[in-house]
């Protein structure tokens, strides 16, 4: 049952993004940013943790989980180190993903040529 809940949660998030993309003039970058901010907002009030507990790992796959990770790490480090901990914690949980994105973007920019 948990697998079905995870699948449905990811599917619903993707369906909402596709509906927004098809019916508005927002670009995929705008939609991605909206979902990151939505995940951060939900984690600020501990709603995203409840979603993760109910649907499992399916809540950790969509882009909303990146916003969740940013805020979750920032709040954890802010309790420990104060105001400077916000910046430390933001990149604590997301450093691996950000580093991988930078490295892959660099490697692919060397391999492929942009279209005119």
Protein backbone atom coordinates (compact mmCIF):
# COMPACT_ATOMS: atom_id res chain seq x y z
CA UNK A 1 0.00 0.00 0.00
CA UNK A 2 2.89 2.36 0.76
CA UNK A 3 4.27 1.85 -2.76
CA UNK A 4 0.91 2.83 -4.23
CA UNK A 5 0.74 5.95 -2.03
CA UNK A 6 4.28 6.93 -3.08
CA UNK A 7 3.46 6.42 -6.74
CA UNK A 8 0.25 8.41 -6.50
CA UNK A 9 1.91 11.30 -4.65
CA UNK A 10 4.65 11.64 -7.27
CA UNK A 11 2.08 11.30 -10.04
CA UNK A 12 -0.16 13.98 -8.57
CA UNK A 13 2.77 16.40 -8.16
CA UNK A 14 3.77 15.81 -11.80
CA UNK A 15 0.15 16.11 -12.97
CA UNK A 16 -0.23 19.47 -11.20
CA UNK A 17 3.01 20.71 -12.77
CA UNK A 18 1.87 19.57 -16.23
CA UNK A 19 -1.51 21.25 -15.83
CA UNK A 20 0.22 24.50 -14.81
CA UNK A 21 2.62 24.20 -17.76
CA UNK A 22 -0.18 23.56 -20.27
CA UNK A 23 -2.59 26.24 -19.05
CA UNK A 24 -0.28 29.16 -18.21
CA UNK A 25 2.60 30.96 -19.83
CA UNK A 26 4.99 29.93 -17.05
CA UNK A 27 8.23 28.29 -18.12
CA UNK A 28 9.48 25.00 -16.65
CA UNK A 29 11.98 27.02 -14.60
CA UNK A 30 9.19 29.05 -13.04
CA UNK A 31 7.23 25.91 -12.19
CA UNK A 32 10.31 24.28 -10.69
CA UNK A 33 10.91 27.34 -8.52
CA UNK A 34 7.28 27.37 -7.40
CA UNK A 35 7.49 23.74 -6.32
CA UNK A 36 10.78 24.29 -4.44
CA UNK A 37 9.23 27.22 -2.58
CA UNK A 38 6.09 25.16 -1.91
CA UNK A 39 8.19 22.35 -0.42
CA UNK A 40 10.08 24.86 1.72
CA UNK A 41 6.82 26.45 2.87
CA UNK A 42 5.31 23.08 3.78
CA UNK A 43 8.43 22.10 5.74
CA UNK A 44 8.44 25.41 7.61
CA UNK A 45 5.22 24.34 9.30
CA UNK A 46 6.22 20.63 9.53
CA UNK A 47 3.60 19.54 7.00
CA UNK A 48 6.13 17.97 4.65
CA UNK A 49 7.41 15.64 7.36
CA UNK A 50 3.85 14.39 7.83
CA UNK A 51 3.55 13.82 4.09
CA UNK A 52 6.81 11.83 4.12
CA UNK A 53 5.56 9.68 6.97
CA UNK A 54 2.29 8.92 5.18
CA UNK A 55 3.53 8.34 1.61
CA UNK A 56 7.10 7.23 2.28
CA UNK A 57 9.94 7.76 -0.14
CA UNK A 58 7.60 8.99 -2.85
CA UNK A 59 7.62 12.39 -1.17
CA UNK A 60 11.40 12.55 -1.43
CA UNK A 61 11.49 12.24 -5.23
CA UNK A 62 9.72 15.34 -6.61
CA UNK A 63 11.38 18.75 -6.67
CA UNK A 64 9.34 19.77 -3.64
CA UNK A 65 11.70 17.69 -1.52
CA UNK A 66 14.59 20.00 -2.46
CA UNK A 67 12.81 22.90 -0.76
CA UNK A 68 12.07 20.59 2.15
CA UNK A 69 15.77 19.71 2.44
CA UNK A 70 16.85 23.35 2.28
CA UNK A 71 14.56 24.47 5.09
CA UNK A 72 14.95 21.29 7.14
CA UNK A 73 18.74 21.67 7.22
CA UNK A 74 18.58 25.41 7.82
CA UNK A 75 16.24 25.07 10.80
CA UNK A 76 18.29 22.24 12.31
CA UNK A 77 21.55 24.20 12.12
CA UNK A 78 19.87 27.44 13.23
CA UNK A 79 18.93 25.78 16.50
CA UNK A 80 22.53 24.72 16.99
CA UNK A 81 24.56 27.70 15.67
CA UNK A 82 22.12 30.61 15.56
CA UNK A 83 21.73 32.91 12.58
CA UNK A 84 24.89 31.74 10.81
CA UNK A 85 23.58 28.19 11.07
CA UNK A 86 20.83 29.02 8.59
CA UNK A 87 23.34 29.33 5.76
CA UNK A 88 25.36 26.37 6.99
CA UNK A 89 22.35 24.11 7.23
CA UNK A 90 20.84 25.09 3.91
CA UNK A 91 23.69 23.50 2.05
CA UNK A 92 24.34 20.70 4.53
CA UNK A 93 21.61 18.38 3.25
CA UNK A 94 21.70 19.54 -0.37
CA UNK A 95 25.43 19.78 -1.03
CA UNK A 96 25.66 16.41 -2.77
CA UNK A 97 22.84 17.18 -5.19
CA UNK A 98 24.13 20.65 -5.97
CA UNK A 99 27.67 19.36 -6.53
CA UNK A 100 26.43 16.57 -8.79
CA UNK A 101 24.38 19.03 -10.85
CA UNK A 102 27.38 21.32 -11.33
CA UNK A 103 29.72 18.48 -12.30
CA UNK A 104 27.24 16.87 -14.71
CA UNK A 105 26.44 20.24 -16.30
CA UNK A 106 30.15 20.89 -16.83
CA UNK A 107 30.81 17.43 -18.30
CA UNK A 108 27.81 17.59 -20.62
CA UNK A 109 28.76 21.09 -21.76
CA UNK A 110 32.10 19.66 -22.90
CA UNK A 111 30.45 16.77 -24.78
CA UNK A 112 27.45 18.41 -26.44
CA UNK A 113 27.17 21.55 -28.55
CA UNK A 114 24.28 24.00 -27.97
CA UNK A 115 21.71 24.53 -30.71
CA UNK A 116 21.50 27.91 -32.43
